[in-house]
Amino acid sequence: MKVSLPRSAWPRLLLRVGVAVALLAFVFHIALPDDGTGIASSLAAAWQGGWAFALLCLALAFAILGLGFAVGARRFLLLLRGAGIEVEWSALFRAYLVAGFFNLVLPGAILGDVYRLWDARREAGSGSKIVGIVVVERLLSLAALGILGLLAAPFIPLAAEDRQLAWALMALCAAVACATLAALHPGANRLMRRLIEPIEAISPRVAGWGEGALDAVATLAESPAVLLRAFGLSLLNQGLPVAAVYILALPLAGEVAWYWFAVIVPFVTLVSLLPISIGGTGVREYLYVTLFGSVGMPAEAALALSLSILAAAILWAIVGFAIFNLQRREEERGEG
């Protein structure tokens, strides 16, 4: 699979890189003391449990994030089988790892979904149906994140004068959850089919893909047990990063009660999905410093925590990139 960006996408990509760099510079400025202490020394002082313990926590967090890829692959497999498509779990797990690389280095999660679509289509040979299944999977994931964010929003540590922001956050999370779940309703399916009808006169192929995708969505909508199990896996998948961040915080200065991680991490994950920067970089760091700082974590520790979860994600992205390159070389040898 050859991946390239159209020329029109480069300005937006460079803009988001610039936003990420600017946000990181701002967060480093507000989080680290302006006393002449170097960045490395300031961040190193945030760890209180010794480097051996810190590396152990990083390894555990790395494993938990890897479990998230495995759970995601299991959810995708469940939905595929619910639509009558048979694919090996190992192939989906491999695709999730590669998609994790694309999701980290580019804004949002669109390219990762495109890669998983391409890979599943290659394995199963049913492209239009898989489009619908990828959409359903994304909707369930967003619905789970919206519900977790809705539960967490009232407890976000904000000053009294900012409580109206909590209501706005609750409205946003509720809208995400309701809109994504409503998209699975048969009425939404019928509406989409009516919207596709005019396209058939212009491009029968595109219309055919749309019909195939909607057929897969309709098939899954008739299997509420499958959707409920997939939604449960989505909740688990959104909860695993909470555990990973909590473990990464153990060797850091400043004790924070465990429930604050359940409140803050899902909210930060939701906001980081906005296509503002690359992989949420800068946005995540600012929110960690602000929100964890408001519940007693020193700013340099909160920044170190955010950079630690970024480091664990980068390690998995390296694994995904290596798998992607190996696949590409095998395909090139096969074509030769």
C-alpha atoms as a PDB file:
ATOM      1  CA  MET A   1       0.000   0.000   0.000  1.00  0.00           C
ATOM      2  CA  LYS A   2       1.484   3.331  -1.061  1.00  0.00           C
ATOM      3  CA  VAL A   3       0.469   6.209   1.210  1.00  0.00           C
ATOM      4  CA  SER A   4       0.798   9.788  -0.038  1.00  0.00           C
ATOM      5  CA  LEU A   5      -0.902  13.056   0.775  1.00  0.00           C
ATOM      6  CA  PRO A   6      -2.454  15.273  -1.903  1.00  0.00           C
ATOM      7  CA  ARG A   7      -0.800  18.647  -2.319  1.00  0.00           C
ATOM      8  CA  SER A   8      -3.848  20.407  -0.911  1.00  0.00           C
ATOM      9  CA  ALA A   9      -3.421  18.529   2.396  1.00  0.00           C
ATOM     10  CA  TRP A  10       0.142  19.677   3.049  1.00  0.00           C
ATOM     11  CA  PRO A  11      -0.700  23.262   4.145  1.00  0.00           C
ATOM     12  CA  ARG A  12      -3.214  21.960   6.715  1.00  0.00           C
ATOM     13  CA  LEU A  13      -0.732  19.357   7.919  1.00  0.00           C
ATOM     14  CA  LEU A  14       2.051  21.934   8.309  1.00  0.00           C
ATOM     15  CA  LEU A  15      -0.352  24.281  10.102  1.00  0.00           C
ATOM     16  CA  ARG A  16      -1.213  21.586  12.642  1.00  0.00           C
ATOM     17  CA  VAL A  17       2.461  20.778  13.125  1.00  0.00           C
ATOM     18  CA  GLY A  18       3.009  24.468  13.841  1.00  0.00           C
ATOM     19  CA  VAL A  19       0.101  24.502  16.298  1.00  0.00           C
ATOM     20  CA  ALA A  20       1.502  21.441  18.089  1.00  0.00           C
ATOM     21  CA  VAL A  21       4.968  23.019  18.387  1.00  0.00           C
ATOM     22  CA  ALA A  22       3.524  26.334  19.591  1.00  0.00           C
ATOM     23  CA  LEU A  23       1.329  24.619  22.186  1.00  0.00           C
ATOM     24  CA  LEU A  24       4.229  22.509  23.437  1.00  0.00           C
ATOM     25  CA  ALA A  25       6.426  25.595  23.758  1.00  0.00           C
ATOM     26  CA  PHE A  26       3.658  27.359  25.696  1.00  0.00           C
ATOM     27  CA  VAL A  27       3.131  24.373  28.020  1.00  0.00           C
ATOM     28  CA  PHE A  28       6.857  24.050  28.705  1.00  0.00           C
ATOM     29  CA  HIS A  29       6.913  27.773  29.517  1.00  0.00           C
ATOM     30  CA  ILE A  30       4.073  27.599  32.059  1.00  0.00           C
ATOM     31  CA  ALA A  31       4.949  24.196  33.532  1.00  0.00           C
ATOM     32  CA  LEU A  32       8.683  24.432  34.121  1.00  0.00           C
ATOM     33  CA  PRO A  33      10.309  26.833  36.583  1.00  0.00           C
ATOM     34  CA  ASP A  34      11.993  29.896  35.119  1.00  0.00           C
ATOM     35  CA  ASP A  35      15.023  29.672  37.403  1.00  0.00           C
ATOM     36  CA  GLY A  36      17.693  28.653  34.935  1.00  0.00           C
ATOM     37  CA  THR A  37      17.127  24.929  35.497  1.00  0.00           C
ATOM     38  CA  GLY A  38      17.316  23.016  32.238  1.00  0.00           C
ATOM     39  CA  ILE A  39      14.298  21.250  30.758  1.00  0.00           C
ATOM     40  CA  ALA A  40      15.828  17.798  31.259  1.00  0.00           C
ATOM     41  CA  SER A  41      16.713  18.509  34.892  1.00  0.00           C
ATOM     42  CA  SER A  42      13.267  19.949  35.635  1.00  0.00           C
ATOM     43  CA  LEU A  43      11.486  16.942  34.149  1.00  0.00           C
ATOM     44  CA  ALA A  44      13.882  14.482  35.821  1.00  0.00           C
ATOM     45  CA  ALA A  45      13.040  16.032  39.196  1.00  0.00           C
ATOM     46  CA  ALA A  46       9.383  15.085  38.645  1.00  0.00           C
ATOM     47  CA  TRP A  47      10.189  11.385  39.107  1.00  0.00           C
ATOM     48  CA  GLN A  48      10.406  10.354  42.768  1.00  0.00           C
ATOM     49  CA  GLY A  49      10.301   6.564  42.604  1.00  0.00           C
ATOM     50  CA  GLY A  50      13.658   5.815  40.992  1.00  0.00           C
ATOM     51  CA  TRP A  51      14.398   5.108  37.346  1.00  0.00           C
ATOM     52  CA  ALA A  52      13.954   1.338  37.664  1.00  0.00           C
ATOM     53  CA  PHE A  53      10.412   1.809  38.978  1.00  0.00           C
ATOM     54  CA  ALA A  54       9.690   4.454  36.314  1.00  0.00           C
ATOM     55  CA  LEU A  55      10.806   2.093  33.533  1.00  0.00           C
ATOM     56  CA  LEU A  56       8.698  -0.707  35.005  1.00  0.00           C
ATOM     57  CA  CYS A  57       5.650   1.585  34.984  1.00  0.00           C
ATOM     58  CA  LEU A  58       6.395   2.577  31.383  1.00  0.00           C
ATOM     59  CA  ALA A  59       6.581  -1.109  30.414  1.00  0.00           C
ATOM     60  CA  LEU A  60       3.247  -1.839  32.121  1.00  0.00           C
ATOM     61  CA  ALA A  61       1.592   1.157  30.460  1.00  0.00           C
ATOM     62  CA  PHE A  62       3.039   0.054  27.127  1.00  0.00           C
ATOM     63  CA  ALA A  63       1.493  -3.403  27.633  1.00  0.00           C
ATOM     64  CA  ILE A  64      -1.895  -1.902  28.572  1.00  0.00           C
ATOM     65  CA  LEU A  65      -1.930   0.248  25.439  1.00  0.00           C
ATOM     66  CA  GLY A  66      -1.064  -2.867  23.442  1.00  0.00           C
ATOM     67  CA  LEU A  67      -4.028  -4.617  25.057  1.00  0.00           C
ATOM     68  CA  GLY A  68      -6.121  -1.744  23.725  1.00  0.00           C
ATOM     69  CA  PHE A  69      -5.075  -2.630  20.176  1.00  0.00           C
ATOM     70  CA  ALA A  70      -5.987  -6.271  20.854  1.00  0.00           C
ATOM     71  CA  VAL A  71      -9.417  -5.277  22.222  1.00  0.00           C
ATOM     72  CA  GLY A  72     -10.010  -3.037  19.211  1.00  0.00           C
ATOM     73  CA  ALA A  73      -9.131  -5.888  16.852  1.00  0.00           C
ATOM     74  CA  ARG A  74     -11.525  -8.156  18.741  1.00  0.00           C
ATOM     75  CA  ARG A  75     -14.310  -5.576  18.376  1.00  0.00           C
ATOM     76  CA  PHE A  76     -13.633  -5.244  14.655  1.00  0.00           C
ATOM     77  CA  LEU A  77     -13.674  -9.037  14.296  1.00  0.00           C
ATOM     78  CA  LEU A  78     -17.000  -9.226  16.155  1.00  0.00           C
ATOM     79  CA  LEU A  79     -18.581  -6.654  13.835  1.00  0.00           C
ATOM     80  CA  LEU A  80     -17.173  -8.275  10.706  1.00  0.00           C
ATOM     81  CA  ARG A  81     -18.546 -11.660  11.693  1.00  0.00           C
ATOM     82  CA  GLY A  82     -21.865 -10.050  12.580  1.00  0.00           C
ATOM     83  CA  ALA A  83     -22.044  -8.870   8.961  1.00  0.00           C
ATOM     84  CA  GLY A  84     -21.068 -12.308   7.638  1.00  0.00           C
ATOM     85  CA  ILE A  85     -17.402 -11.549   6.866  1.00  0.00           C
ATOM     86  CA  GLU A  86     -14.693 -13.910   8.094  1.00  0.00           C
ATOM     87  CA  VAL A  87     -11.205 -12.520   8.806  1.00  0.00           C
ATOM     88  CA  GLU A  88      -8.452 -13.771  11.116  1.00  0.00           C
ATOM     89  CA  TRP A  89      -8.028 -11.832  14.359  1.00  0.00           C
ATOM     90  CA  SER A  90      -4.247 -11.779  13.925  1.00  0.00           C
ATOM     91  CA  ALA A  91      -4.620  -9.887  10.627  1.00  0.00           C
ATOM     92  CA  LEU A  92      -6.875  -7.308  12.268  1.00  0.00           C
ATOM     93  CA  PHE A  93      -4.496  -6.917  15.220  1.00  0.00           C
ATOM     94  CA  ARG A  94      -1.625  -6.287  12.820  1.00  0.00           C
ATOM     95  CA  ALA A  95      -3.733  -3.712  10.962  1.00  0.00           C
ATOM     96  CA  TYR A  96      -4.588  -1.969  14.235  1.00  0.00           C
ATOM     97  CA  LEU A  97      -0.900  -1.635  15.089  1.00  0.00           C
ATOM     98  CA  VAL A  98      -0.128  -0.084  11.706  1.00  0.00           C
ATOM     99  CA  ALA A  99      -3.181   2.189  11.975  1.00  0.00           C
ATOM    100  CA  GLY A 100      -1.867   3.334  15.360  1.00  0.00           C
ATOM    101  CA  PHE A 101       1.217   4.673  13.601  1.00  0.00           C
ATOM    102  CA  PHE A 102      -0.858   6.626  11.084  1.00  0.00           C
ATOM    103  CA  ASN A 103      -3.164   7.957  13.796  1.00  0.00           C
ATOM    104  CA  LEU A 104      -0.214   9.286  15.792  1.00  0.00           C
ATOM    105  CA  VAL A 105       1.662  11.035  13.005  1.00  0.00           C
ATOM    106  CA  LEU A 106      -1.359  12.564  11.234  1.00  0.00           C
ATOM    107  CA  PRO A 107      -4.314  14.611  12.535  1.00  0.00           C
ATOM    108  CA  GLY A 108      -7.376  12.716  13.730  1.00  0.00           C
ATOM    109  CA  ALA A 109      -7.873   8.998  13.156  1.00  0.00           C
ATOM    110  CA  ILE A 110      -9.038   9.044   9.542  1.00  0.00           C
ATOM    111  CA  LEU A 111      -5.937   7.641   7.860  1.00  0.00           C
ATOM    112  CA  GLY A 112      -5.764   4.827  10.408  1.00  0.00           C
ATOM    113  CA  ASP A 113      -9.357   3.888   9.546  1.00  0.00           C
ATOM    114  CA  VAL A 114      -8.526   4.051   5.847  1.00  0.00           C
ATOM    115  CA  TYR A 115      -5.614   1.682   6.339  1.00  0.00           C
ATOM    116  CA  ARG A 116      -7.710  -0.793   8.333  1.00  0.00           C
ATOM    117  CA  LEU A 117     -10.362  -0.612   5.629  1.00  0.00           C
ATOM    118  CA  TRP A 118      -7.791  -1.356   2.949  1.00  0.00           C
ATOM    119  CA  ASP A 119      -6.240  -4.197   4.942  1.00  0.00           C
ATOM    120  CA  ALA A 120      -9.571  -5.831   5.836  1.00  0.00           C
ATOM    121  CA  ARG A 121     -10.719  -5.519   2.231  1.00  0.00           C
ATOM    122  CA  ARG A 122      -7.540  -7.261   1.092  1.00  0.00           C
ATOM    123  CA  GLU A 123      -8.151 -10.072   3.577  1.00  0.00           C
ATOM    124  CA  ALA A 124     -11.910 -10.463   3.000  1.00  0.00           C
ATOM    125  CA  GLY A 125     -12.446  -9.060  -0.500  1.00  0.00           C
ATOM    126  CA  SER A 126     -15.621  -7.169   0.408  1.00  0.00           C
ATOM    127  CA  GLY A 127     -14.821  -3.477   0.285  1.00  0.00           C
ATOM    128  CA  SER A 128     -18.214  -1.758   0.457  1.00  0.00           C
ATOM    129  CA  LYS A 129     -19.459  -3.782   3.424  1.00  0.00           C
ATOM    130  CA  ILE A 130     -16.251  -3.135   5.322  1.00  0.00           C
ATOM    131  CA  VAL A 131     -16.713   0.620   4.827  1.00  0.00           C
ATOM    132  CA  GLY A 132     -19.992   0.347   6.726  1.00  0.00           C
ATOM    133  CA  ILE A 133     -18.425  -1.773   9.454  1.00  0.00           C
ATOM    134  CA  VAL A 134     -15.531   0.662   9.949  1.00  0.00           C
ATOM    135  CA  VAL A 135     -18.098   3.458  10.263  1.00  0.00           C
ATOM    136  CA  VAL A 136     -20.101   1.470  12.839  1.00  0.00           C
ATOM    137  CA  GLU A 137     -16.933   0.745  14.795  1.00  0.00           C
ATOM    138  CA  ARG A 138     -15.983   4.427  14.814  1.00  0.00           C
ATOM    139  CA  LEU A 139     -19.506   5.391  15.913  1.00  0.00           C
ATOM    140  CA  LEU A 140     -19.453   2.913  18.800  1.00  0.00           C
ATOM    141  CA  SER A 141     -16.021   4.127  19.872  1.00  0.00           C
ATOM    142  CA  LEU A 142     -17.125   7.765  19.836  1.00  0.00           C
ATOM    143  CA  ALA A 143     -20.345   6.893  21.667  1.00  0.00           C
ATOM    144  CA  ALA A 144     -18.365   5.128  24.415  1.00  0.00           C
ATOM    145  CA  LEU A 145     -15.979   8.061  24.718  1.00  0.00           C
ATOM    146  CA  GLY A 146     -18.893  10.509  24.770  1.00  0.00           C
ATOM    147  CA  ILE A 147     -20.627   8.583  27.566  1.00  0.00           C
ATOM    148  CA  LEU A 148     -17.436   8.376  29.627  1.00  0.00           C
ATOM    149  CA  GLY A 149     -16.880  12.075  29.037  1.00  0.00           C
ATOM    150  CA  LEU A 150     -20.478  12.817  30.032  1.00  0.00           C
ATOM    151  CA  LEU A 151     -20.009  10.952  33.299  1.00  0.00           C
ATOM    152  CA  ALA A 152     -16.712  12.715  33.943  1.00  0.00           C
ATOM    153  CA  ALA A 153     -17.651  16.281  32.923  1.00  0.00           C
ATOM    154  CA  PRO A 154     -19.502  17.259  36.148  1.00  0.00           C
ATOM    155  CA  PHE A 155     -16.382  16.371  38.140  1.00  0.00           C
ATOM    156  CA  ILE A 156     -13.808  18.132  35.959  1.00  0.00           C
ATOM    157  CA  PRO A 157     -11.761  20.250  38.400  1.00  0.00           C
ATOM    158  CA  LEU A 158     -12.751  23.781  37.387  1.00  0.00           C
ATOM    159  CA  ALA A 159     -12.954  26.999  39.346  1.00  0.00           C
ATOM    160  CA  ALA A 160     -16.404  28.146  40.477  1.00  0.00           C
ATOM    161  CA  GLU A 161     -16.534  30.876  37.837  1.00  0.00           C
ATOM    162  CA  ASP A 162     -15.850  28.279  35.148  1.00  0.00           C
ATOM    163  CA  ARG A 163     -18.637  25.855  36.062  1.00  0.00           C
ATOM    164  CA  GLN A 164     -20.596  26.909  32.983  1.00  0.00           C
ATOM    165  CA  LEU A 165     -17.795  25.316  31.006  1.00  0.00           C
ATOM    166  CA  ALA A 166     -18.656  21.995  32.666  1.00  0.00           C
ATOM    167  CA  TRP A 167     -22.213  22.307  31.364  1.00  0.00           C
ATOM    168  CA  ALA A 168     -20.873  23.001  27.885  1.00  0.00           C
ATOM    169  CA  LEU A 169     -18.625  19.938  28.147  1.00  0.00           C
ATOM    170  CA  MET A 170     -21.567  17.806  29.259  1.00  0.00           C
ATOM    171  CA  ALA A 171     -23.608  19.060  26.304  1.00  0.00           C
ATOM    172  CA  LEU A 172     -20.735  18.267  23.920  1.00  0.00           C
ATOM    173  CA  CYS A 173     -20.283  14.743  25.301  1.00  0.00           C
ATOM    174  CA  ALA A 174     -24.035  14.082  25.269  1.00  0.00           C
ATOM    175  CA  ALA A 175     -24.250  15.308  21.671  1.00  0.00           C
ATOM    176  CA  VAL A 176     -21.372  13.005  20.646  1.00  0.00           C
ATOM    177  CA  ALA A 177     -22.966   9.993  22.352  1.00  0.00           C
ATOM    178  CA  CYS A 178     -26.494  10.633  21.088  1.00  0.00           C
ATOM    179  CA  ALA A 179     -25.516  11.556  17.544  1.00  0.00           C
ATOM    180  CA  THR A 180     -23.302   8.517  17.077  1.00  0.00           C
ATOM    181  CA  LEU A 181     -25.859   6.084  18.493  1.00  0.00           C
ATOM    182  CA  ALA A 182     -28.696   7.717  16.520  1.00  0.00           C
ATOM    183  CA  ALA A 183     -26.696   7.142  13.337  1.00  0.00           C
ATOM    184  CA  LEU A 184     -27.238   3.396  13.858  1.00  0.00           C
ATOM    185  CA  HIS A 185     -31.025   3.756  13.911  1.00  0.00           C
ATOM    186  CA  PRO A 186     -32.850   2.237  10.898  1.00  0.00           C
ATOM    187  CA  GLY A 187     -34.383   5.652  10.200  1.00  0.00           C
ATOM    188  CA  ALA A 188     -30.908   7.106   9.669  1.00  0.00           C
ATOM    189  CA  ASN A 189     -30.137   4.230   7.313  1.00  0.00           C
ATOM    190  CA  ARG A 190     -33.236   4.963   5.236  1.00  0.00           C
ATOM    191  CA  LEU A 191     -32.358   8.665   5.110  1.00  0.00           C
ATOM    192  CA  MET A 192     -28.849   7.898   3.875  1.00  0.00           C
ATOM    193  CA  ARG A 193     -30.244   5.650   1.145  1.00  0.00           C
ATOM    194  CA  ARG A 194     -32.438   8.489  -0.093  1.00  0.00           C
ATOM    195  CA  LEU A 195     -29.413  10.769  -0.176  1.00  0.00           C
ATOM    196  CA  ILE A 196     -27.493   8.205  -2.224  1.00  0.00           C
ATOM    197  CA  GLU A 197     -30.187   7.836  -4.895  1.00  0.00           C
ATOM    198  CA  PRO A 198     -29.239  11.024  -6.829  1.00  0.00           C
ATOM    199  CA  ILE A 199     -25.587   9.922  -6.833  1.00  0.00           C
ATOM    200  CA  GLU A 200     -26.412   6.792  -8.838  1.00  0.00           C
ATOM    201  CA  ALA A 201     -27.075   8.867 -11.955  1.00  0.00           C
ATOM    202  CA  ILE A 202     -23.660  10.527 -11.602  1.00  0.00           C
ATOM    203  CA  SER A 203     -21.522   7.618 -10.401  1.00  0.00           C
ATOM    204  CA  PRO A 204     -23.117   4.162 -10.125  1.00  0.00           C
ATOM    205  CA  ARG A 205     -19.903   2.814  -8.619  1.00  0.00           C
ATOM    206  CA  VAL A 206     -19.901   5.302  -5.730  1.00  0.00           C
ATOM    207  CA  ALA A 207     -23.609   4.704  -5.182  1.00  0.00           C
ATOM    208  CA  GLY A 208     -22.974   0.962  -5.144  1.00  0.00           C
ATOM    209  CA  TRP A 209     -20.310   1.352  -2.483  1.00  0.00           C
ATOM    210  CA  GLY A 210     -22.703   3.450  -0.428  1.00  0.00           C
ATOM    211  CA  GLU A 211     -25.467   0.867  -0.740  1.00  0.00           C
ATOM    212  CA  GLY A 212     -23.098  -1.932   0.257  1.00  0.00           C
ATOM    213  CA  ALA A 213     -21.923   0.015   3.307  1.00  0.00           C
ATOM    214  CA  LEU A 214     -25.501   0.752   4.364  1.00  0.00           C
ATOM    215  CA  ASP A 215     -26.427  -2.918   3.881  1.00  0.00           C
ATOM    216  CA  ALA A 216     -23.679  -3.885   6.334  1.00  0.00           C
ATOM    217  CA  VAL A 217     -24.867  -1.269   8.831  1.00  0.00           C
ATOM    218  CA  ALA A 218     -28.468  -2.499   8.488  1.00  0.00           C
ATOM    219  CA  THR A 219     -27.359  -6.100   9.053  1.00  0.00           C
ATOM    220  CA  LEU A 220     -25.559  -5.116  12.253  1.00  0.00           C
ATOM    221  CA  ALA A 221     -28.521  -3.023  13.415  1.00  0.00           C
ATOM    222  CA  GLU A 222     -30.618  -6.198  13.288  1.00  0.00           C
ATOM    223  CA  SER A 223     -28.156  -7.858  15.720  1.00  0.00           C
ATOM    224  CA  PRO A 224     -28.419  -5.815  18.946  1.00  0.00           C
ATOM    225  CA  ALA A 225     -26.467  -8.462  20.863  1.00  0.00           C
ATOM    226  CA  VAL A 226     -23.486  -7.973  18.549  1.00  0.00           C
ATOM    227  CA  LEU A 227     -23.704  -4.201  18.863  1.00  0.00           C
ATOM    228  CA  LEU A 228     -23.970  -4.368  22.658  1.00  0.00           C
ATOM    229  CA  ARG A 229     -20.913  -6.619  22.886  1.00  0.00           C
ATOM    230  CA  ALA A 230     -19.008  -4.321  20.534  1.00  0.00           C
ATOM    231  CA  PHE A 231     -20.084  -1.314  22.598  1.00  0.00           C
ATOM    232  CA  GLY A 232     -18.861  -3.061  25.749  1.00  0.00           C
ATOM    233  CA  LEU A 233     -15.495  -3.613  24.097  1.00  0.00           C
ATOM    234  CA  SER A 234     -15.497   0.071  23.126  1.00  0.00           C
ATOM    235  CA  LEU A 235     -16.005   1.062  26.764  1.00  0.00           C
ATOM    236  CA  LEU A 236     -13.154  -1.241  27.757  1.00  0.00           C
ATOM    237  CA  ASN A 237     -10.980   0.190  25.007  1.00  0.00           C
ATOM    238  CA  GLN A 238     -11.598   3.735  26.241  1.00  0.00           C
ATOM    239  CA  GLY A 239     -10.969   2.701  29.840  1.00  0.00           C
ATOM    240  CA  LEU A 240      -7.575   1.098  29.266  1.00  0.00           C
ATOM    241  CA  PRO A 241      -5.778   4.437  28.694  1.00  0.00           C
ATOM    242  CA  VAL A 242      -7.055   5.522  32.122  1.00  0.00           C
ATOM    243  CA  ALA A 243      -5.218   2.575  33.691  1.00  0.00           C
ATOM    244  CA  ALA A 244      -2.105   3.279  31.612  1.00  0.00           C
ATOM    245  CA  VAL A 245      -1.968   6.932  32.671  1.00  0.00           C
ATOM    246  CA  TYR A 246      -2.568   6.013  36.322  1.00  0.00           C
ATOM    247  CA  ILE A 247       0.349   3.567  36.259  1.00  0.00           C
ATOM    248  CA  LEU A 248       2.611   6.119  34.594  1.00  0.00           C
ATOM    249  CA  ALA A 249       1.780   8.593  37.381  1.00  0.00           C
ATOM    250  CA  LEU A 250       2.865   6.253  40.186  1.00  0.00           C
ATOM    251  CA  PRO A 251       6.565   7.210  40.161  1.00  0.00           C
ATOM    252  CA  LEU A 252       5.827  10.933  39.749  1.00  0.00           C
ATOM    253  CA  ALA A 253       5.742  13.625  42.410  1.00  0.00           C
ATOM    254  CA  GLY A 254       2.363  14.621  43.816  1.00  0.00           C
ATOM    255  CA  GLU A 255      -0.202  12.055  44.904  1.00  0.00           C
ATOM    256  CA  VAL A 256      -3.504  12.248  43.024  1.00  0.00           C
ATOM    257  CA  ALA A 257      -6.519  10.082  43.902  1.00  0.00           C
ATOM    258  CA  TRP A 258      -7.244   7.362  41.372  1.00  0.00           C
ATOM    259  CA  TYR A 259     -10.716   8.647  40.526  1.00  0.00           C
ATOM    260  CA  TRP A 260      -9.283  11.856  39.080  1.00  0.00           C
ATOM    261  CA  PHE A 261      -7.689   9.788  36.339  1.00  0.00           C
ATOM    262  CA  ALA A 262     -11.101   8.316  35.494  1.00  0.00           C
ATOM    263  CA  VAL A 263     -12.451  11.868  35.295  1.00  0.00           C
ATOM    264  CA  ILE A 264      -9.659  13.660  33.435  1.00  0.00           C
ATOM    265  CA  VAL A 265      -8.239  11.100  30.966  1.00  0.00           C
ATOM    266  CA  PRO A 266     -11.458  10.366  28.972  1.00  0.00           C
ATOM    267  CA  PHE A 267     -12.159  14.088  28.692  1.00  0.00           C
ATOM    268  CA  VAL A 268      -8.625  14.802  27.450  1.00  0.00           C
ATOM    269  CA  THR A 269      -8.876  11.917  24.979  1.00  0.00           C
ATOM    270  CA  LEU A 270     -12.106  13.342  23.558  1.00  0.00           C
ATOM    271  CA  VAL A 271     -10.708  16.859  23.175  1.00  0.00           C
ATOM    272  CA  SER A 272      -7.453  15.519  21.673  1.00  0.00           C
ATOM    273  CA  LEU A 273      -9.454  14.024  18.789  1.00  0.00           C
ATOM    274  CA  LEU A 274     -10.138  17.529  17.485  1.00  0.00           C
ATOM    275  CA  PRO A 275      -8.017  18.072  14.337  1.00  0.00           C
ATOM    276  CA  ILE A 276      -6.077  20.941  15.886  1.00  0.00           C
ATOM    277  CA  SER A 277      -2.586  19.468  16.073  1.00  0.00           C
ATOM    278  CA  ILE A 278      -0.754  16.237  15.287  1.00  0.00           C
ATOM    279  CA  GLY A 279      -1.988  13.332  17.368  1.00  0.00           C
ATOM    280  CA  GLY A 280      -3.344  15.751  19.985  1.00  0.00           C
ATOM    281  CA  THR A 281       0.215  16.833  20.846  1.00  0.00           C
ATOM    282  CA  GLY A 282       0.256  20.105  22.743  1.00  0.00           C
ATOM    283  CA  VAL A 283      -3.472  19.944  23.462  1.00  0.00           C
ATOM    284  CA  ARG A 284      -2.996  16.890  25.651  1.00  0.00           C
ATOM    285  CA  GLU A 285       0.005  18.409  27.448  1.00  0.00           C
ATOM    286  CA  TYR A 286      -1.831  21.658  28.174  1.00  0.00           C
ATOM    287  CA  LEU A 287      -4.902  19.865  29.535  1.00  0.00           C
ATOM    288  CA  TYR A 288      -2.811  17.523  31.681  1.00  0.00           C
ATOM    289  CA  VAL A 289      -0.882  20.426  33.222  1.00  0.00           C
ATOM    290  CA  THR A 290      -4.075  22.429  33.792  1.00  0.00           C
ATOM    291  CA  LEU A 291      -6.427  19.711  35.039  1.00  0.00           C
ATOM    292  CA  PHE A 292      -4.055  17.486  36.994  1.00  0.00           C
ATOM    293  CA  GLY A 293      -2.431  20.622  38.380  1.00  0.00           C
ATOM    294  CA  SER A 294      -5.789  21.722  39.760  1.00  0.00           C
ATOM    295  CA  VAL A 295      -6.040  18.520  41.852  1.00  0.00           C
ATOM    296  CA  GLY A 296      -2.586  18.753  43.372  1.00  0.00           C
ATOM    297  CA  MET A 297      -0.095  17.390  40.828  1.00  0.00           C
ATOM    298  CA  PRO A 298       2.947  19.658  40.304  1.00  0.00           C
ATOM    299  CA  ALA A 299       3.063  21.191  36.834  1.00  0.00           C
ATOM    300  CA  GLU A 300       6.353  19.535  35.909  1.00  0.00           C
ATOM    301  CA  ALA A 301       4.979  16.151  37.029  1.00  0.00           C
ATOM    302  CA  ALA A 302       1.817  16.625  34.958  1.00  0.00           C
ATOM    303  CA  LEU A 303       3.943  17.551  31.937  1.00  0.00           C
ATOM    304  CA  ALA A 304       6.180  14.534  32.525  1.00  0.00           C
ATOM    305  CA  LEU A 305       3.050  12.353  32.757  1.00  0.00           C
ATOM    306  CA  SER A 306       1.759  13.616  29.418  1.00  0.00           C
ATOM    307  CA  LEU A 307       5.148  13.134  27.770  1.00  0.00           C
ATOM    308  CA  SER A 308       5.309   9.607  29.221  1.00  0.00           C
ATOM    309  CA  ILE A 309       2.012   8.562  27.642  1.00  0.00           C
ATOM    310  CA  LEU A 310       3.215  10.147  24.398  1.00  0.00           C
ATOM    311  CA  ALA A 311       6.428   8.114  24.649  1.00  0.00           C
ATOM    312  CA  ALA A 312       4.473   4.877  25.130  1.00  0.00           C
ATOM    313  CA  ALA A 313       2.298   5.739  22.120  1.00  0.00           C
ATOM    314  CA  ILE A 314       5.403   6.507  20.040  1.00  0.00           C
ATOM    315  CA  LEU A 315       6.875   3.109  20.939  1.00  0.00           C
ATOM    316  CA  TRP A 316       3.738   1.395  19.598  1.00  0.00           C
ATOM    317  CA  ALA A 317       3.831   3.656  16.540  1.00  0.00           C
ATOM    318  CA  ILE A 318       7.378   2.438  15.867  1.00  0.00           C
ATOM    319  CA  VAL A 319       6.127  -1.145  16.053  1.00  0.00           C
ATOM    320  CA  GLY A 320       3.317  -0.307  13.625  1.00  0.00           C
ATOM    321  CA  PHE A 321       5.718   1.463  11.263  1.00  0.00           C
ATOM    322  CA  ALA A 322       8.050  -1.555  11.280  1.00  0.00           C
ATOM    323  CA  ILE A 323       5.163  -3.909  10.476  1.00  0.00           C
ATOM    324  CA  PHE A 324       4.008  -1.610   7.677  1.00  0.00           C
ATOM    325  CA  ASN A 325       7.483  -1.555   6.120  1.00  0.00           C
ATOM    326  CA  LEU A 326       7.842  -5.326   6.348  1.00  0.00           C
ATOM    327  CA  GLN A 327       4.478  -5.792   4.639  1.00  0.00           C
ATOM    328  CA  ARG A 328       5.401  -3.366   1.901  1.00  0.00           C
ATOM    329  CA  ARG A 329       8.703  -5.139   1.238  1.00  0.00           C
ATOM    330  CA  GLU A 330       6.975  -8.523   1.099  1.00  0.00           C
ATOM    331  CA  GLU A 331       4.464  -7.137  -1.411  1.00  0.00           C
ATOM    332  CA  GLU A 332       7.251  -5.686  -3.526  1.00  0.00           C
ATOM    333  CA  ARG A 333       9.078  -9.017  -3.534  1.00  0.00           C
ATOM    334  CA  GLY A 334       5.836 -10.772  -4.473  1.00  0.00           C
ATOM    335  CA  GLU A 335       5.262  -8.391  -7.362  1.00  0.00           C
ATOM    336  CA  GLY A 336       8.840  -8.874  -8.501  1.00  0.00           C
END
